[in-house]
Amino acid sequence: QVQLVESGGGLVQAGGSLRLSCAASGLTFSAYHMGWFRQAPGKEREFVTAISESGGTTFYADSVKGRFTVSRANTENTVSLQMNSLKPEDTAVYYCAAAAGWGPVPQSRRGYGYWGQGTQVTVSS
């Protein structure tokens, strides 16, 4: 079955950096768009970034543009999220997700059929 496993979360001070990774198995990774979402306590899960199946196209939420960078390694079945200049408002559980790659890259939850369990990111002020 499809598994998406996130890692790399933790506690960091404001202004610091973290790198999240998501390892995928049970699917043809290069045929899937990949996305990152986050959910803070009491809030809806929100879109953070997405990358096309080839890695050639990326999208970012306005709140993370210029600070976060998404990348993927199709030979390793992994997608990564480099997070710099972290702010307390970035505190959330971060999820990676996979969407079939024959359509446009989704930027909403509805477009993704597979989800990881999430990894906690906490940014202290």
Protein backbone atom coordinates (compact mmCIF):
# COMPACT_ATOMS: atom_id res chain seq x y z
CA GLN A 1 0.00 0.00 0.00
CA VAL A 2 0.99 3.63 -0.38
CA GLN A 3 3.00 5.04 2.49
CA LEU A 4 4.22 8.58 2.99
CA VAL A 5 6.48 9.08 5.99
CA GLU A 6 7.55 12.55 7.09
CA SER A 7 10.62 13.27 9.17
CA GLY A 8 12.75 16.20 10.26
CA GLY A 9 10.34 18.11 12.45
CA GLY A 10 11.35 19.54 15.80
CA LEU A 11 11.74 22.61 17.95
CA VAL A 12 13.61 25.62 16.59
CA GLN A 13 13.97 29.25 17.56
CA ALA A 14 12.49 31.99 15.43
CA GLY A 15 14.81 32.79 12.55
CA GLY A 16 16.14 29.27 12.43
CA SER A 17 15.85 26.56 9.80
CA LEU A 18 14.51 23.04 9.48
CA ARG A 19 14.47 20.56 6.65
CA LEU A 20 11.55 18.17 6.37
CA SER A 21 11.65 15.02 4.28
CA CYS A 22 8.93 12.71 3.05
CA ALA A 23 9.74 9.18 1.93
CA ALA A 24 7.22 7.56 -0.39
CA SER A 25 6.62 3.89 -1.09
CA GLY A 26 3.97 1.79 -2.79
CA LEU A 27 3.48 4.16 -5.71
CA THR A 28 5.28 5.21 -8.88
CA PHE A 29 6.70 8.31 -7.28
CA SER A 30 7.69 10.05 -10.52
CA ALA A 31 4.05 9.92 -11.64
CA TYR A 32 2.74 11.91 -8.69
CA HIS A 33 2.65 15.57 -7.84
CA MET A 34 3.65 16.13 -4.22
CA GLY A 35 2.40 18.70 -1.78
CA TRP A 36 3.09 19.93 1.73
CA PHE A 37 0.31 21.13 4.00
CA ARG A 38 0.24 22.22 7.61
CA GLN A 39 -2.29 22.36 10.39
CA ALA A 40 -1.97 24.52 13.47
CA PRO A 41 -4.05 23.84 16.59
CA GLY A 42 -7.64 24.93 16.11
CA LYS A 43 -7.12 25.78 12.44
CA GLU A 44 -7.87 24.19 9.09
CA ARG A 45 -5.19 22.28 7.26
CA GLU A 46 -3.66 24.72 4.78
CA PHE A 47 -1.61 24.50 1.63
CA VAL A 48 2.09 25.28 1.95
CA THR A 49 3.74 24.23 -1.30
CA ALA A 50 3.53 21.74 -4.16
CA ILE A 51 5.87 20.38 -6.78
CA SER A 52 5.01 18.75 -10.08
CA GLU A 53 5.84 15.12 -10.83
CA SER A 54 8.92 16.12 -12.79
CA GLY A 55 10.02 18.75 -10.30
CA GLY A 56 9.82 21.40 -12.96
CA THR A 57 6.98 23.42 -11.47
CA THR A 58 6.49 24.59 -7.92
CA PHE A 59 3.84 26.60 -6.09
CA TYR A 60 3.99 28.30 -2.73
CA ALA A 61 1.55 29.87 -0.34
CA ASP A 62 2.16 33.60 -0.02
CA SER A 63 2.97 33.17 3.65
CA VAL A 64 6.06 31.06 2.90
CA LYS A 65 7.32 32.49 -0.40
CA GLY A 66 10.97 33.39 -0.22
CA ARG A 67 11.48 31.36 2.96
CA PHE A 68 10.54 27.79 2.06
CA THR A 69 11.86 25.69 -0.83
CA VAL A 70 10.40 22.40 -2.03
CA SER A 71 12.43 19.84 -3.95
CA ARG A 72 12.20 16.20 -4.91
CA ALA A 73 14.49 13.32 -5.81
CA ASN A 74 12.60 10.90 -8.01
CA THR A 75 15.44 8.38 -7.94
CA GLU A 76 15.09 8.25 -4.14
CA ASN A 77 11.31 8.61 -3.87
CA THR A 78 11.64 11.59 -1.57
CA VAL A 79 10.35 15.13 -1.40
CA SER A 80 11.89 17.72 0.88
CA LEU A 81 10.91 21.05 2.35
CA GLN A 82 13.67 23.44 3.34
CA MET A 83 12.29 26.00 5.78
CA ASN A 84 14.35 29.09 6.55
CA SER A 85 13.66 32.23 8.57
CA LEU A 86 11.07 30.37 10.57
CA LYS A 87 8.45 32.31 12.49
CA PRO A 88 6.29 31.32 15.45
CA GLU A 89 3.29 31.32 13.13
CA ASP A 90 4.90 28.48 11.17
CA THR A 91 4.24 26.23 14.15
CA ALA A 92 2.06 23.34 12.98
CA VAL A 93 1.95 19.70 12.08
CA TYR A 94 3.32 19.39 8.56
CA TYR A 95 1.96 16.76 6.18
CA CYS A 96 3.16 15.57 2.82
CA ALA A 97 0.62 14.40 0.27
CA ALA A 98 0.56 12.80 -3.16
CA ALA A 99 -1.69 13.55 -6.13
CA ALA A 100 -1.91 11.71 -9.43
CA GLY A 101 0.32 13.45 -11.93
CA TRP A 102 -1.88 13.46 -15.04
CA GLY A 103 -3.65 16.69 -14.16
CA PRO A 104 -2.62 20.11 -12.93
CA VAL A 105 -0.72 20.40 -9.67
CA PRO A 106 -3.34 20.73 -6.93
CA GLN A 107 -3.11 23.53 -4.41
CA SER A 108 -5.94 22.38 -2.20
CA ARG A 109 -6.50 19.37 -0.01
CA ARG A 110 -9.16 17.93 -2.30
CA GLY A 111 -6.62 17.18 -5.00
CA TYR A 112 -4.54 14.82 -2.90
CA GLY A 113 -5.39 11.18 -2.38
CA TYR A 114 -2.56 10.03 -0.17
CA TRP A 115 -1.33 11.60 3.05
CA GLY A 116 1.42 11.06 5.56
CA GLN A 117 0.97 11.02 9.34
CA GLY A 118 2.59 14.41 9.82
CA THR A 119 5.57 15.80 11.69
CA GLN A 120 5.45 18.52 14.34
CA VAL A 121 7.28 21.78 13.78
CA THR A 122 7.44 24.18 16.71
CA VAL A 123 9.00 27.61 16.39
CA SER A 124 9.68 29.44 19.63
CA SER A 125 9.81 33.21 19.85
